[in-house]
Amino acid sequence: GEWQADGFVSSASWLRERCHLSHGDATSAVKLARTLEEMPAVADAFAAGDISRRHAQVISLARAPERGAPFAQLDGAFAAAARTLDPLRLRSLVRHV
């Protein structure tokens, strides 16, 4: 909520200004953070360094609001797959699912 206290209209706009990010990078970072809040197994794997930011982003980019519940059910499976697949293969798996 710091972005609100600083008078910004969104967390992405706050990131753009404070971290000198492009619009796309700031938006992607916010989406990734929201995905990690909803997918604890993926978040734990990322925090432990077991998967890369790119792995987590592959999952995040595919997770739309209407897919939230199914993705939550697949949280552990996606985390396990991300530990063994490179990001390109993970993307193919996520798309297939």
PDB file of N, CA and C in Angstrom:
ATOM      1  N   GLY A   1       0.774  -1.196   0.000  1.00  0.00           N
ATOM      2  CA  GLY A   1       0.000   0.000   0.000  1.00  0.00           C
ATOM      3  C   GLY A   1       0.824   1.274   0.000  1.00  0.00           C
ATOM      4  N   GLU A   2       2.142   1.140   0.030  1.00  0.00           N
ATOM      5  CA  GLU A   2       2.993   2.335   0.033  1.00  0.00           C
ATOM      6  C   GLU A   2       2.743   3.198  -1.203  1.00  0.00           C
ATOM      7  N   TRP A   3       2.425   2.549  -2.316  1.00  0.00           N
ATOM      8  CA  TRP A   3       2.183   3.299  -3.553  1.00  0.00           C
ATOM      9  C   TRP A   3       0.998   4.248  -3.393  1.00  0.00           C
ATOM     10  N   GLN A   4      -0.025   3.828  -2.629  1.00  0.00           N
ATOM     11  CA  GLN A   4      -1.184   4.690  -2.401  1.00  0.00           C
ATOM     12  C   GLN A   4      -0.812   5.878  -1.528  1.00  0.00           C
ATOM     13  N   ALA A   5      -0.030   5.602  -0.497  1.00  0.00           N
ATOM     14  CA  ALA A   5       0.391   6.677   0.397  1.00  0.00           C
ATOM     15  C   ALA A   5       1.239   7.718  -0.335  1.00  0.00           C
ATOM     16  N   ASP A   6       1.942   7.265  -1.378  1.00  0.00           N
ATOM     17  CA  ASP A   6       2.765   8.184  -2.172  1.00  0.00           C
ATOM     18  C   ASP A   6       1.980   8.896  -3.275  1.00  0.00           C
ATOM     19  N   GLY A   7       0.663   8.597  -3.368  1.00  0.00           N
ATOM     20  CA  GLY A   7      -0.189   9.293  -4.313  1.00  0.00           C
ATOM     21  C   GLY A   7      -0.247   8.707  -5.711  1.00  0.00           C
ATOM     22  N   PHE A   8       0.202   7.473  -5.890  1.00  0.00           N
ATOM     23  CA  PHE A   8       0.154   6.846  -7.203  1.00  0.00           C
ATOM     24  C   PHE A   8      -1.185   6.144  -7.397  1.00  0.00           C
ATOM     25  N   VAL A   9      -1.594   5.978  -8.653  1.00  0.00           N
ATOM     26  CA  VAL A   9      -2.884   5.362  -8.947  1.00  0.00           C
ATOM     27  C   VAL A   9      -2.808   3.841  -8.991  1.00  0.00           C
ATOM     28  N   SER A  10      -1.601   3.289  -9.070  1.00  0.00           N
ATOM     29  CA  SER A  10      -1.435   1.836  -9.083  1.00  0.00           C
ATOM     30  C   SER A  10      -0.048   1.471  -8.599  1.00  0.00           C
ATOM     31  N   SER A  11       0.088   0.218  -8.199  1.00  0.00           N
ATOM     32  CA  SER A  11       1.415  -0.251  -7.777  1.00  0.00           C
ATOM     33  C   SER A  11       2.370  -0.294  -8.960  1.00  0.00           C
ATOM     34  N   ALA A  12       1.859  -0.584 -10.149  1.00  0.00           N
ATOM     35  CA  ALA A  12       2.715  -0.599 -11.341  1.00  0.00           C
ATOM     36  C   ALA A  12       3.252   0.798 -11.652  1.00  0.00           C
ATOM     37  N   SER A  13       2.423   1.817 -11.525  1.00  0.00           N
ATOM     38  CA  SER A  13       2.907   3.179 -11.782  1.00  0.00           C
ATOM     39  C   SER A  13       3.946   3.587 -10.744  1.00  0.00           C
ATOM     40  N   TRP A  14       3.760   3.141  -9.505  1.00  0.00           N
ATOM     41  CA  TRP A  14       4.748   3.405  -8.458  1.00  0.00           C
ATOM     42  C   TRP A  14       6.085   2.739  -8.806  1.00  0.00           C
ATOM     43  N   LEU A  15       6.030   1.486  -9.238  1.00  0.00           N
ATOM     44  CA  LEU A  15       7.248   0.778  -9.634  1.00  0.00           C
ATOM     45  C   LEU A  15       7.941   1.448 -10.819  1.00  0.00           C
ATOM     46  N   ARG A  16       7.147   1.878 -11.797  1.00  0.00           N
ATOM     47  CA  ARG A  16       7.729   2.557 -12.960  1.00  0.00           C
ATOM     48  C   ARG A  16       8.533   3.773 -12.520  1.00  0.00           C
ATOM     49  N   GLU A  17       7.950   4.561 -11.641  1.00  0.00           N
ATOM     50  CA  GLU A  17       8.601   5.788 -11.190  1.00  0.00           C
ATOM     51  C   GLU A  17       9.787   5.505 -10.268  1.00  0.00           C
ATOM     52  N   ARG A  18       9.571   4.708  -9.255  1.00  0.00           N
ATOM     53  CA  ARG A  18      10.591   4.479  -8.233  1.00  0.00           C
ATOM     54  C   ARG A  18      11.757   3.609  -8.701  1.00  0.00           C
ATOM     55  N   CYS A  19      11.460   2.641  -9.556  1.00  0.00           N
ATOM     56  CA  CYS A  19      12.494   1.688  -9.986  1.00  0.00           C
ATOM     57  C   CYS A  19      12.932   1.898 -11.428  1.00  0.00           C
ATOM     58  N   HIS A  20      12.372   2.927 -12.058  1.00  0.00           N
ATOM     59  CA  HIS A  20      12.721   3.262 -13.447  1.00  0.00           C
ATOM     60  C   HIS A  20      12.516   2.075 -14.374  1.00  0.00           C
ATOM     61  N   LEU A  21      11.333   1.481 -14.269  1.00  0.00           N
ATOM     62  CA  LEU A  21      10.974   0.339 -15.102  1.00  0.00           C
ATOM     63  C   LEU A  21      10.076   0.787 -16.241  1.00  0.00           C
ATOM     64  N   SER A  22      10.054  -0.005 -17.294  1.00  0.00           N
ATOM     65  CA  SER A  22       9.097   0.240 -18.371  1.00  0.00           C
ATOM     66  C   SER A  22       7.713  -0.160 -17.873  1.00  0.00           C
ATOM     67  N   HIS A  23       6.700   0.267 -18.596  1.00  0.00           N
ATOM     68  CA  HIS A  23       5.327  -0.090 -18.237  1.00  0.00           C
ATOM     69  C   HIS A  23       5.164  -1.613 -18.203  1.00  0.00           C
ATOM     70  N   GLY A  24       5.652  -2.286 -19.229  1.00  0.00           N
ATOM     71  CA  GLY A  24       5.521  -3.742 -19.311  1.00  0.00           C
ATOM     72  C   GLY A  24       6.235  -4.466 -18.183  1.00  0.00           C
ATOM     73  N   ASP A  25       7.440  -4.019 -17.852  1.00  0.00           N
ATOM     74  CA  ASP A  25       8.191  -4.667 -16.772  1.00  0.00           C
ATOM     75  C   ASP A  25       7.526  -4.453 -15.419  1.00  0.00           C
ATOM     76  N   ALA A  26       7.021  -3.257 -15.193  1.00  0.00           N
ATOM     77  CA  ALA A  26       6.335  -2.972 -13.923  1.00  0.00           C
ATOM     78  C   ALA A  26       5.057  -3.785 -13.801  1.00  0.00           C
ATOM     79  N   THR A  27       4.287  -3.846 -14.867  1.00  0.00           N
ATOM     80  CA  THR A  27       3.047  -4.613 -14.859  1.00  0.00           C
ATOM     81  C   THR A  27       3.323  -6.094 -14.654  1.00  0.00           C
ATOM     82  N   SER A  28       4.356  -6.598 -15.317  1.00  0.00           N
ATOM     83  CA  SER A  28       4.738  -8.007 -15.176  1.00  0.00           C
ATOM     84  C   SER A  28       5.172  -8.316 -13.741  1.00  0.00           C
ATOM     85  N   ALA A  29       5.898  -7.408 -13.119  1.00  0.00           N
ATOM     86  CA  ALA A  29       6.345  -7.618 -11.739  1.00  0.00           C
ATOM     87  C   ALA A  29       5.162  -7.681 -10.777  1.00  0.00           C
ATOM     88  N   VAL A  30       4.182  -6.817 -10.985  1.00  0.00           N
ATOM     89  CA  VAL A  30       2.991  -6.812 -10.130  1.00  0.00           C
ATOM     90  C   VAL A  30       2.196  -8.099 -10.333  1.00  0.00           C
ATOM     91  N   LYS A  31       2.036  -8.507 -11.583  1.00  0.00           N
ATOM     92  CA  LYS A  31       1.307  -9.750 -11.873  1.00  0.00           C
ATOM     93  C   LYS A  31       2.023 -10.941 -11.257  1.00  0.00           C
ATOM     94  N   LEU A  32       3.344 -10.961 -11.346  1.00  0.00           N
ATOM     95  CA  LEU A  32       4.110 -12.054 -10.745  1.00  0.00           C
ATOM     96  C   LEU A  32       3.906 -12.072  -9.230  1.00  0.00           C
ATOM     97  N   ALA A  33       3.955 -10.928  -8.601  1.00  0.00           N
ATOM     98  CA  ALA A  33       3.765 -10.862  -7.146  1.00  0.00           C
ATOM     99  C   ALA A  33       2.379 -11.371  -6.748  1.00  0.00           C
ATOM    100  N   ARG A  34       1.371 -10.997  -7.507  1.00  0.00           N
ATOM    101  CA  ARG A  34       0.006 -11.463  -7.203  1.00  0.00           C
ATOM    102  C   ARG A  34      -0.123 -12.970  -7.407  1.00  0.00           C
ATOM    103  N   THR A  35       0.518 -13.476  -8.436  1.00  0.00           N
ATOM    104  CA  THR A  35       0.504 -14.927  -8.675  1.00  0.00           C
ATOM    105  C   THR A  35       1.177 -15.653  -7.525  1.00  0.00           C
ATOM    106  N   LEU A  36       2.318 -15.159  -7.077  1.00  0.00           N
ATOM    107  CA  LEU A  36       3.045 -15.816  -5.990  1.00  0.00           C
ATOM    108  C   LEU A  36       2.255 -15.795  -4.691  1.00  0.00           C
ATOM    109  N   GLU A  37       1.451 -14.758  -4.485  1.00  0.00           N
ATOM    110  CA  GLU A  37       0.587 -14.720  -3.301  1.00  0.00           C
ATOM    111  C   GLU A  37      -0.463 -15.823  -3.345  1.00  0.00           C
ATOM    112  N   GLU A  38      -0.913 -16.178  -4.528  1.00  0.00           N
ATOM    113  CA  GLU A  38      -1.983 -17.162  -4.694  1.00  0.00           C
ATOM    114  C   GLU A  38      -1.472 -18.585  -4.923  1.00  0.00           C
ATOM    115  N   MET A  39      -0.177 -18.725  -5.169  1.00  0.00           N
ATOM    116  CA  MET A  39       0.388 -20.042  -5.479  1.00  0.00           C
ATOM    117  C   MET A  39       1.585 -20.302  -4.555  1.00  0.00           C
ATOM    118  N   PRO A  40       1.337 -20.740  -3.326  1.00  0.00           N
ATOM    119  CA  PRO A  40       2.405 -20.859  -2.335  1.00  0.00           C
ATOM    120  C   PRO A  40       3.503 -21.862  -2.698  1.00  0.00           C
ATOM    121  N   ALA A  41       3.186 -22.935  -3.382  1.00  0.00           N
ATOM    122  CA  ALA A  41       4.240 -23.898  -3.747  1.00  0.00           C
ATOM    123  C   ALA A  41       5.197 -23.285  -4.765  1.00  0.00           C
ATOM    124  N   VAL A  42       4.656 -22.565  -5.728  1.00  0.00           N
ATOM    125  CA  VAL A  42       5.498 -21.869  -6.704  1.00  0.00           C
ATOM    126  C   VAL A  42       6.305 -20.785  -5.991  1.00  0.00           C
ATOM    127  N   ALA A  43       5.663 -20.056  -5.094  1.00  0.00           N
ATOM    128  CA  ALA A  43       6.357 -19.002  -4.338  1.00  0.00           C
ATOM    129  C   ALA A  43       7.494 -19.578  -3.504  1.00  0.00           C
ATOM    130  N   ASP A  44       7.246 -20.699  -2.848  1.00  0.00           N
ATOM    131  CA  ASP A  44       8.294 -21.325  -2.027  1.00  0.00           C
ATOM    132  C   ASP A  44       9.468 -21.790  -2.883  1.00  0.00           C
ATOM    133  N   ALA A  45       9.167 -22.381  -4.037  1.00  0.00           N
ATOM    134  CA  ALA A  45      10.226 -22.843  -4.934  1.00  0.00           C
ATOM    135  C   ALA A  45      11.050 -21.662  -5.444  1.00  0.00           C
ATOM    136  N   PHE A  46      10.382 -20.568  -5.747  1.00  0.00           N
ATOM    137  CA  PHE A  46      11.072 -19.368  -6.216  1.00  0.00           C
ATOM    138  C   PHE A  46      11.933 -18.774  -5.095  1.00  0.00           C
ATOM    139  N   ALA A  47      11.361 -18.658  -3.911  1.00  0.00           N
ATOM    140  CA  ALA A  47      12.089 -18.089  -2.770  1.00  0.00           C
ATOM    141  C   ALA A  47      13.308 -18.928  -2.401  1.00  0.00           C
ATOM    142  N   ALA A  48      13.198 -20.243  -2.563  1.00  0.00           N
ATOM    143  CA  ALA A  48      14.311 -21.138  -2.230  1.00  0.00           C
ATOM    144  C   ALA A  48      15.380 -21.165  -3.319  1.00  0.00           C
ATOM    145  N   GLY A  49      15.083 -20.561  -4.468  1.00  0.00           N
ATOM    146  CA  GLY A  49      16.027 -20.588  -5.576  1.00  0.00           C
ATOM    147  C   GLY A  49      15.952 -21.869  -6.391  1.00  0.00           C
ATOM    148  N   ASP A  50      14.910 -22.660  -6.161  1.00  0.00           N
ATOM    149  CA  ASP A  50      14.740 -23.910  -6.905  1.00  0.00           C
ATOM    150  C   ASP A  50      14.251 -23.672  -8.327  1.00  0.00           C
ATOM    151  N   ILE A  51      13.559 -22.552  -8.538  1.00  0.00           N
ATOM    152  CA  ILE A  51      13.120 -22.171  -9.872  1.00  0.00           C
ATOM    153  C   ILE A  51      13.526 -20.716 -10.093  1.00  0.00           C
ATOM    154  N   SER A  52      13.673 -20.353 -11.348  1.00  0.00           N
ATOM    155  CA  SER A  52      14.084 -18.992 -11.690  1.00  0.00           C
ATOM    156  C   SER A  52      12.885 -18.054 -11.787  1.00  0.00           C
ATOM    157  N   ARG A  53      13.187 -16.779 -11.870  1.00  0.00           N
ATOM    158  CA  ARG A  53      12.131 -15.784 -12.089  1.00  0.00           C
ATOM    159  C   ARG A  53      11.402 -16.087 -13.395  1.00  0.00           C
ATOM    160  N   ARG A  54      12.137 -16.509 -14.409  1.00  0.00           N
ATOM    161  CA  ARG A  54      11.514 -16.824 -15.698  1.00  0.00           C
ATOM    162  C   ARG A  54      10.523 -17.970 -15.564  1.00  0.00           C
ATOM    163  N   HIS A  55      10.869 -19.000 -14.785  1.00  0.00           N
ATOM    164  CA  HIS A  55       9.936 -20.097 -14.535  1.00  0.00           C
ATOM    165  C   HIS A  55       8.640 -19.559 -13.904  1.00  0.00           C
ATOM    166  N   ALA A  56       8.804 -18.747 -12.877  1.00  0.00           N
ATOM    167  CA  ALA A  56       7.643 -18.198 -12.181  1.00  0.00           C
ATOM    168  C   ALA A  56       6.827 -17.304 -13.112  1.00  0.00           C
ATOM    169  N   GLN A  57       7.503 -16.560 -13.981  1.00  0.00           N
ATOM    170  CA  GLN A  57       6.793 -15.685 -14.910  1.00  0.00           C
ATOM    171  C   GLN A  57       6.005 -16.479 -15.942  1.00  0.00           C
ATOM    172  N   VAL A  58       6.545 -17.607 -16.375  1.00  0.00           N
ATOM    173  CA  VAL A  58       5.816 -18.446 -17.325  1.00  0.00           C
ATOM    174  C   VAL A  58       4.461 -18.818 -16.738  1.00  0.00           C
ATOM    175  N   ILE A  59       4.460 -19.221 -15.491  1.00  0.00           N
ATOM    176  CA  ILE A  59       3.214 -19.595 -14.826  1.00  0.00           C
ATOM    177  C   ILE A  59       2.324 -18.363 -14.644  1.00  0.00           C
ATOM    178  N   SER A  60       2.928 -17.274 -14.212  1.00  0.00           N
ATOM    179  CA  SER A  60       2.183 -16.043 -13.964  1.00  0.00           C
ATOM    180  C   SER A  60       1.519 -15.504 -15.222  1.00  0.00           C
ATOM    181  N   LEU A  61       2.222 -15.510 -16.325  1.00  0.00           N
ATOM    182  CA  LEU A  61       1.672 -14.968 -17.568  1.00  0.00           C
ATOM    183  C   LEU A  61       0.483 -15.779 -18.065  1.00  0.00           C
ATOM    184  N   ALA A  62       0.471 -17.071 -17.761  1.00  0.00           N
ATOM    185  CA  ALA A  62      -0.640 -17.927 -18.196  1.00  0.00           C
ATOM    186  C   ALA A  62      -1.829 -17.860 -17.248  1.00  0.00           C
ATOM    187  N   ARG A  63      -1.611 -17.376 -16.043  1.00  0.00           N
ATOM    188  CA  ARG A  63      -2.665 -17.356 -15.024  1.00  0.00           C
ATOM    189  C   ARG A  63      -3.504 -16.091 -15.154  1.00  0.00           C
ATOM    190  N   ALA A  64      -4.655 -16.217 -15.769  1.00  0.00           N
ATOM    191  CA  ALA A  64      -5.607 -15.118 -15.883  1.00  0.00           C
ATOM    192  C   ALA A  64      -6.582 -15.212 -14.708  1.00  0.00           C
ATOM    193  N   PRO A  65      -7.267 -14.114 -14.383  1.00  0.00           N
ATOM    194  CA  PRO A  65      -8.197 -14.150 -13.246  1.00  0.00           C
ATOM    195  C   PRO A  65      -9.195 -15.307 -13.307  1.00  0.00           C
ATOM    196  N   GLU A  66      -9.708 -15.591 -14.485  1.00  0.00           N
ATOM    197  CA  GLU A  66     -10.685 -16.678 -14.591  1.00  0.00           C
ATOM    198  C   GLU A  66     -10.049 -18.059 -14.446  1.00  0.00           C
ATOM    199  N   ARG A  67      -8.740 -18.112 -14.463  1.00  0.00           N
ATOM    200  CA  ARG A  67      -8.033 -19.385 -14.282  1.00  0.00           C
ATOM    201  C   ARG A  67      -7.462 -19.523 -12.873  1.00  0.00           C
ATOM    202  N   GLY A  68      -7.792 -18.614 -11.998  1.00  0.00           N
ATOM    203  CA  GLY A  68      -7.217 -18.612 -10.659  1.00  0.00           C
ATOM    204  C   GLY A  68      -7.429 -19.905  -9.896  1.00  0.00           C
ATOM    205  N   ALA A  69      -8.665 -20.393  -9.862  1.00  0.00           N
ATOM    206  CA  ALA A  69      -8.967 -21.619  -9.107  1.00  0.00           C
ATOM    207  C   ALA A  69      -8.262 -22.844  -9.693  1.00  0.00           C
ATOM    208  N   PRO A  70      -8.331 -23.066 -11.008  1.00  0.00           N
ATOM    209  CA  PRO A  70      -7.614 -24.222 -11.552  1.00  0.00           C
ATOM    210  C   PRO A  70      -6.096 -24.126 -11.330  1.00  0.00           C
ATOM    211  N   PHE A  71      -5.544 -22.933 -11.446  1.00  0.00           N
ATOM    212  CA  PHE A  71      -4.112 -22.782 -11.231  1.00  0.00           C
ATOM    213  C   PHE A  71      -3.754 -23.056  -9.770  1.00  0.00           C
ATOM    214  N   ALA A  72      -4.611 -22.643  -8.858  1.00  0.00           N
ATOM    215  CA  ALA A  72      -4.361 -22.908  -7.437  1.00  0.00           C
ATOM    216  C   ALA A  72      -4.314 -24.411  -7.172  1.00  0.00           C
ATOM    217  N   GLN A  73      -5.181 -25.161  -7.843  1.00  0.00           N
ATOM    218  CA  GLN A  73      -5.190 -26.617  -7.684  1.00  0.00           C
ATOM    219  C   GLN A  73      -3.939 -27.259  -8.269  1.00  0.00           C
ATOM    220  N   LEU A  74      -3.344 -26.610  -9.259  1.00  0.00           N
ATOM    221  CA  LEU A  74      -2.153 -27.148  -9.923  1.00  0.00           C
ATOM    222  C   LEU A  74      -0.855 -26.553  -9.376  1.00  0.00           C
ATOM    223  N   ASP A  75      -0.953 -25.799  -8.315  1.00  0.00           N
ATOM    224  CA  ASP A  75       0.196 -25.106  -7.735  1.00  0.00           C
ATOM    225  C   ASP A  75       1.380 -26.050  -7.511  1.00  0.00           C
ATOM    226  N   GLY A  76       1.172 -27.133  -6.794  1.00  0.00           N
ATOM    227  CA  GLY A  76       2.247 -28.074  -6.506  1.00  0.00           C
ATOM    228  C   GLY A  76       2.795 -28.743  -7.751  1.00  0.00           C
ATOM    229  N   ALA A  77       1.912 -29.079  -8.679  1.00  0.00           N
ATOM    230  CA  ALA A  77       2.337 -29.722  -9.926  1.00  0.00           C
ATOM    231  C   ALA A  77       3.175 -28.766 -10.770  1.00  0.00           C
ATOM    232  N   PHE A  78       2.759 -27.516 -10.855  1.00  0.00           N
ATOM    233  CA  PHE A  78       3.531 -26.536 -11.628  1.00  0.00           C
ATOM    234  C   PHE A  78       4.890 -26.273 -10.972  1.00  0.00           C
ATOM    235  N   ALA A  79       4.921 -26.215  -9.642  1.00  0.00           N
ATOM    236  CA  ALA A  79       6.194 -26.012  -8.945  1.00  0.00           C
ATOM    237  C   ALA A  79       7.134 -27.183  -9.197  1.00  0.00           C
ATOM    238  N   ALA A  80       6.615 -28.397  -9.125  1.00  0.00           N
ATOM    239  CA  ALA A  80       7.436 -29.588  -9.375  1.00  0.00           C
ATOM    240  C   ALA A  80       7.944 -29.600 -10.809  1.00  0.00           C
ATOM    241  N   ALA A  81       7.079 -29.275 -11.758  1.00  0.00           N
ATOM    242  CA  ALA A  81       7.485 -29.256 -13.164  1.00  0.00           C
ATOM    243  C   ALA A  81       8.553 -28.193 -13.407  1.00  0.00           C
ATOM    244  N   ALA A  82       8.380 -27.032 -12.780  1.00  0.00           N
ATOM    245  CA  ALA A  82       9.340 -25.941 -12.962  1.00  0.00           C
ATOM    246  C   ALA A  82      10.727 -26.311 -12.433  1.00  0.00           C
ATOM    247  N   ARG A  83      10.775 -27.182 -11.435  1.00  0.00           N
ATOM    248  CA  ARG A  83      12.066 -27.620 -10.888  1.00  0.00           C
ATOM    249  C   ARG A  83      12.843 -28.501 -11.868  1.00  0.00           C
ATOM    250  N   THR A  84      12.135 -29.124 -12.806  1.00  0.00           N
ATOM    251  CA  THR A  84      12.808 -30.086 -13.685  1.00  0.00           C
ATOM    252  C   THR A  84      12.852 -29.653 -15.154  1.00  0.00           C
ATOM    253  N   LEU A  85      12.025 -28.704 -15.537  1.00  0.00           N
ATOM    254  CA  LEU A  85      11.964 -28.283 -16.938  1.00  0.00           C
ATOM    255  C   LEU A  85      12.598 -26.915 -17.122  1.00  0.00           C
ATOM    256  N   ASP A  86      13.133 -26.675 -18.311  1.00  0.00           N
ATOM    257  CA  ASP A  86      13.581 -25.314 -18.618  1.00  0.00           C
ATOM    258  C   ASP A  86      12.322 -24.473 -18.894  1.00  0.00           C
ATOM    259  N   PRO A  87      12.439 -23.146 -18.852  1.00  0.00           N
ATOM    260  CA  PRO A  87      11.247 -22.298 -19.012  1.00  0.00           C
ATOM    261  C   PRO A  87      10.479 -22.536 -20.308  1.00  0.00           C
ATOM    262  N   LEU A  88      11.164 -22.825 -21.396  1.00  0.00           N
ATOM    263  CA  LEU A  88      10.463 -23.065 -22.659  1.00  0.00           C
ATOM    264  C   LEU A  88       9.603 -24.319 -22.588  1.00  0.00           C
ATOM    265  N   ARG A  89      10.142 -25.378 -22.036  1.00  0.00           N
ATOM    266  CA  ARG A  89       9.353 -26.609 -21.900  1.00  0.00           C
ATOM    267  C   ARG A  89       8.235 -26.430 -20.877  1.00  0.00           C
ATOM    268  N   LEU A  90       8.510 -25.673 -19.818  1.00  0.00           N
ATOM    269  CA  LEU A  90       7.468 -25.391 -18.834  1.00  0.00           C
ATOM    270  C   LEU A  90       6.316 -24.631 -19.501  1.00  0.00           C
ATOM    271  N   ARG A  91       6.651 -23.676 -20.340  1.00  0.00           N
ATOM    272  CA  ARG A  91       5.600 -22.924 -21.049  1.00  0.00           C
ATOM    273  C   ARG A  91       4.732 -23.848 -21.888  1.00  0.00           C
ATOM    274  N   SER A  92       5.360 -24.801 -22.562  1.00  0.00           N
ATOM    275  CA  SER A  92       4.580 -25.755 -23.365  1.00  0.00           C
ATOM    276  C   SER A  92       3.660 -26.573 -22.479  1.00  0.00           C
ATOM    277  N   LEU A  93       4.159 -27.019 -21.329  1.00  0.00           N
ATOM    278  CA  LEU A  93       3.342 -27.795 -20.401  1.00  0.00           C
ATOM    279  C   LEU A  93       2.170 -26.966 -19.878  1.00  0.00           C
ATOM    280  N   VAL A  94       2.445 -25.754 -19.445  1.00  0.00           N
ATOM    281  CA  VAL A  94       1.401 -24.887 -18.900  1.00  0.00           C
ATOM    282  C   VAL A  94       0.344 -24.608 -19.972  1.00  0.00           C
ATOM    283  N   ARG A  95       0.776 -24.352 -21.184  1.00  0.00           N
ATOM    284  CA  ARG A  95      -0.179 -24.130 -22.273  1.00  0.00           C
ATOM    285  C   ARG A  95      -1.044 -25.356 -22.508  1.00  0.00           C
ATOM    286  N   HIS A  96      -0.423 -26.524 -22.484  1.00  0.00           N
ATOM    287  CA  HIS A  96      -1.154 -27.758 -22.712  1.00  0.00           C
ATOM    288  C   HIS A  96      -2.223 -27.979 -21.637  1.00  0.00           C
ATOM    289  N   VAL A  97      -1.831 -27.748 -20.401  1.00  0.00           N
ATOM    290  CA  VAL A  97      -2.756 -27.936 -19.274  1.00  0.00           C
ATOM    291  C   VAL A  97      -3.870 -26.921 -19.370  1.00  0.00           C
TER     292      VAL A  97
END
